[in-house]
Amino acid sequence: MSEPVLQRRDDDRSGSAERAVTVFFTFLLFFAGLALFAVAFSVADAAKAWVFFGGIAAVSLAFAIPTTIVPALEDR
């Protein structure tokens, strides 16, 4: 019989301050990315691409932090 891919951890950190800070900054990055998308079409022509790219980067980090970065740091 094979082992499950995802195993339950012994220590449950769902209510920790670390988790709250991670969630706060993740939502902050996500909403900042959405704001950058909205602003990207009303800035100077030279800055449109950079502001839009900043929105893409912010939303990407908002999804990468809780799914890959924090679990990798917790397993150290």
C-alpha atoms as a PDB file:
ATOM      1  CA  MET A   1       0.000   0.000   0.000  1.00  0.00           C
ATOM      2  CA  SER A   2       1.380   3.397  -0.903  1.00  0.00           C
ATOM      3  CA  GLU A   3       1.856   6.381   1.375  1.00  0.00           C
ATOM      4  CA  PRO A   4      -0.443   9.386   0.921  1.00  0.00           C
ATOM      5  CA  VAL A   5       1.108  12.343  -0.851  1.00  0.00           C
ATOM      6  CA  LEU A   6      -0.080  14.848   1.735  1.00  0.00           C
ATOM      7  CA  GLN A   7       0.371  13.874   5.352  1.00  0.00           C
ATOM      8  CA  ARG A   8      -1.183  15.585   8.334  1.00  0.00           C
ATOM      9  CA  ARG A   9       1.252  17.471  10.517  1.00  0.00           C
ATOM     10  CA  ASP A  10       1.525  16.740  14.213  1.00  0.00           C
ATOM     11  CA  ASP A  11       1.533  20.413  15.218  1.00  0.00           C
ATOM     12  CA  ASP A  12      -1.496  22.416  14.144  1.00  0.00           C
ATOM     13  CA  ARG A  13      -0.526  26.053  13.515  1.00  0.00           C
ATOM     14  CA  SER A  14      -3.853  27.282  12.180  1.00  0.00           C
ATOM     15  CA  GLY A  15      -4.330  29.778  15.016  1.00  0.00           C
ATOM     16  CA  SER A  16      -0.790  31.053  15.326  1.00  0.00           C
ATOM     17  CA  ALA A  17       0.352  34.645  14.913  1.00  0.00           C
ATOM     18  CA  GLU A  18       2.632  33.527  12.096  1.00  0.00           C
ATOM     19  CA  ARG A  19      -0.355  32.286  10.102  1.00  0.00           C
ATOM     20  CA  ALA A  20      -2.263  35.543  10.728  1.00  0.00           C
ATOM     21  CA  VAL A  21       0.631  37.669   9.470  1.00  0.00           C
ATOM     22  CA  THR A  22       0.996  35.463   6.401  1.00  0.00           C
ATOM     23  CA  VAL A  23      -2.703  35.745   5.576  1.00  0.00           C
ATOM     24  CA  PHE A  24      -2.687  39.516   6.125  1.00  0.00           C
ATOM     25  CA  PHE A  25       0.251  40.152   3.794  1.00  0.00           C
ATOM     26  CA  THR A  26      -1.128  37.721   1.218  1.00  0.00           C
ATOM     27  CA  PHE A  27      -4.422  39.621   1.043  1.00  0.00           C
ATOM     28  CA  LEU A  28      -2.535  42.916   1.026  1.00  0.00           C
ATOM     29  CA  LEU A  29      -0.445  41.801  -1.960  1.00  0.00           C
ATOM     30  CA  PHE A  30      -3.501  40.503  -3.785  1.00  0.00           C
ATOM     31  CA  PHE A  31      -5.450  43.743  -3.400  1.00  0.00           C
ATOM     32  CA  ALA A  32      -2.362  45.805  -4.257  1.00  0.00           C
ATOM     33  CA  GLY A  33      -2.052  43.778  -7.463  1.00  0.00           C
ATOM     34  CA  LEU A  34      -5.679  44.439  -8.328  1.00  0.00           C
ATOM     35  CA  ALA A  35      -5.158  48.146  -7.654  1.00  0.00           C
ATOM     36  CA  LEU A  36      -2.114  48.168  -9.914  1.00  0.00           C
ATOM     37  CA  PHE A  37      -4.154  46.529 -12.676  1.00  0.00           C
ATOM     38  CA  ALA A  38      -6.787  49.242 -12.320  1.00  0.00           C
ATOM     39  CA  VAL A  39      -4.243  52.078 -12.288  1.00  0.00           C
ATOM     40  CA  ALA A  40      -2.199  50.682 -15.171  1.00  0.00           C
ATOM     41  CA  PHE A  41      -4.510  52.096 -17.814  1.00  0.00           C
ATOM     42  CA  SER A  42      -4.541  55.648 -16.457  1.00  0.00           C
ATOM     43  CA  VAL A  43      -0.809  56.320 -16.047  1.00  0.00           C
ATOM     44  CA  ALA A  44       1.657  57.720 -18.572  1.00  0.00           C
ATOM     45  CA  ASP A  45       2.298  55.631 -21.666  1.00  0.00           C
ATOM     46  CA  ALA A  46       5.878  54.860 -20.666  1.00  0.00           C
ATOM     47  CA  ALA A  47       4.796  53.425 -17.304  1.00  0.00           C
ATOM     48  CA  LYS A  48       1.773  51.341 -18.375  1.00  0.00           C
ATOM     49  CA  ALA A  49       3.709  48.161 -19.014  1.00  0.00           C
ATOM     50  CA  TRP A  50       5.704  48.453 -15.787  1.00  0.00           C
ATOM     51  CA  VAL A  51       2.654  49.092 -13.615  1.00  0.00           C
ATOM     52  CA  PHE A  52       0.807  46.194 -15.241  1.00  0.00           C
ATOM     53  CA  PHE A  53       3.852  43.964 -14.703  1.00  0.00           C
ATOM     54  CA  GLY A  54       3.888  45.064 -11.053  1.00  0.00           C
ATOM     55  CA  GLY A  55       0.267  43.945 -10.759  1.00  0.00           C
ATOM     56  CA  ILE A  56       1.124  40.559 -12.238  1.00  0.00           C
ATOM     57  CA  ALA A  57       4.074  40.185  -9.856  1.00  0.00           C
ATOM     58  CA  ALA A  58       1.992  41.181  -6.812  1.00  0.00           C
ATOM     59  CA  VAL A  59      -0.828  38.742  -7.591  1.00  0.00           C
ATOM     60  CA  SER A  60       1.702  35.990  -8.358  1.00  0.00           C
ATOM     61  CA  LEU A  61       3.414  36.523  -5.014  1.00  0.00           C
ATOM     62  CA  ALA A  62       0.046  36.585  -3.268  1.00  0.00           C
ATOM     63  CA  PHE A  63      -0.570  33.045  -4.485  1.00  0.00           C
ATOM     64  CA  ALA A  64       3.033  31.841  -4.134  1.00  0.00           C
ATOM     65  CA  ILE A  65       3.557  32.868  -0.513  1.00  0.00           C
ATOM     66  CA  PRO A  66       0.964  30.582   1.153  1.00  0.00           C
ATOM     67  CA  THR A  67       1.289  27.706  -1.291  1.00  0.00           C
ATOM     68  CA  THR A  68       5.041  27.317  -1.784  1.00  0.00           C
ATOM     69  CA  ILE A  69       7.221  29.769   0.124  1.00  0.00           C
ATOM     70  CA  VAL A  70       5.847  29.452   3.672  1.00  0.00           C
ATOM     71  CA  PRO A  71       5.562  25.622   3.606  1.00  0.00           C
ATOM     72  CA  ALA A  72       9.141  25.396   2.336  1.00  0.00           C
ATOM     73  CA  LEU A  73      10.346  27.608   5.197  1.00  0.00           C
ATOM     74  CA  GLU A  74       8.361  25.610   7.764  1.00  0.00           C
ATOM     75  CA  ASP A  75      10.003  22.351   6.693  1.00  0.00           C
ATOM     76  CA  ARG A  76      13.527  23.633   7.434  1.00  0.00           C
END
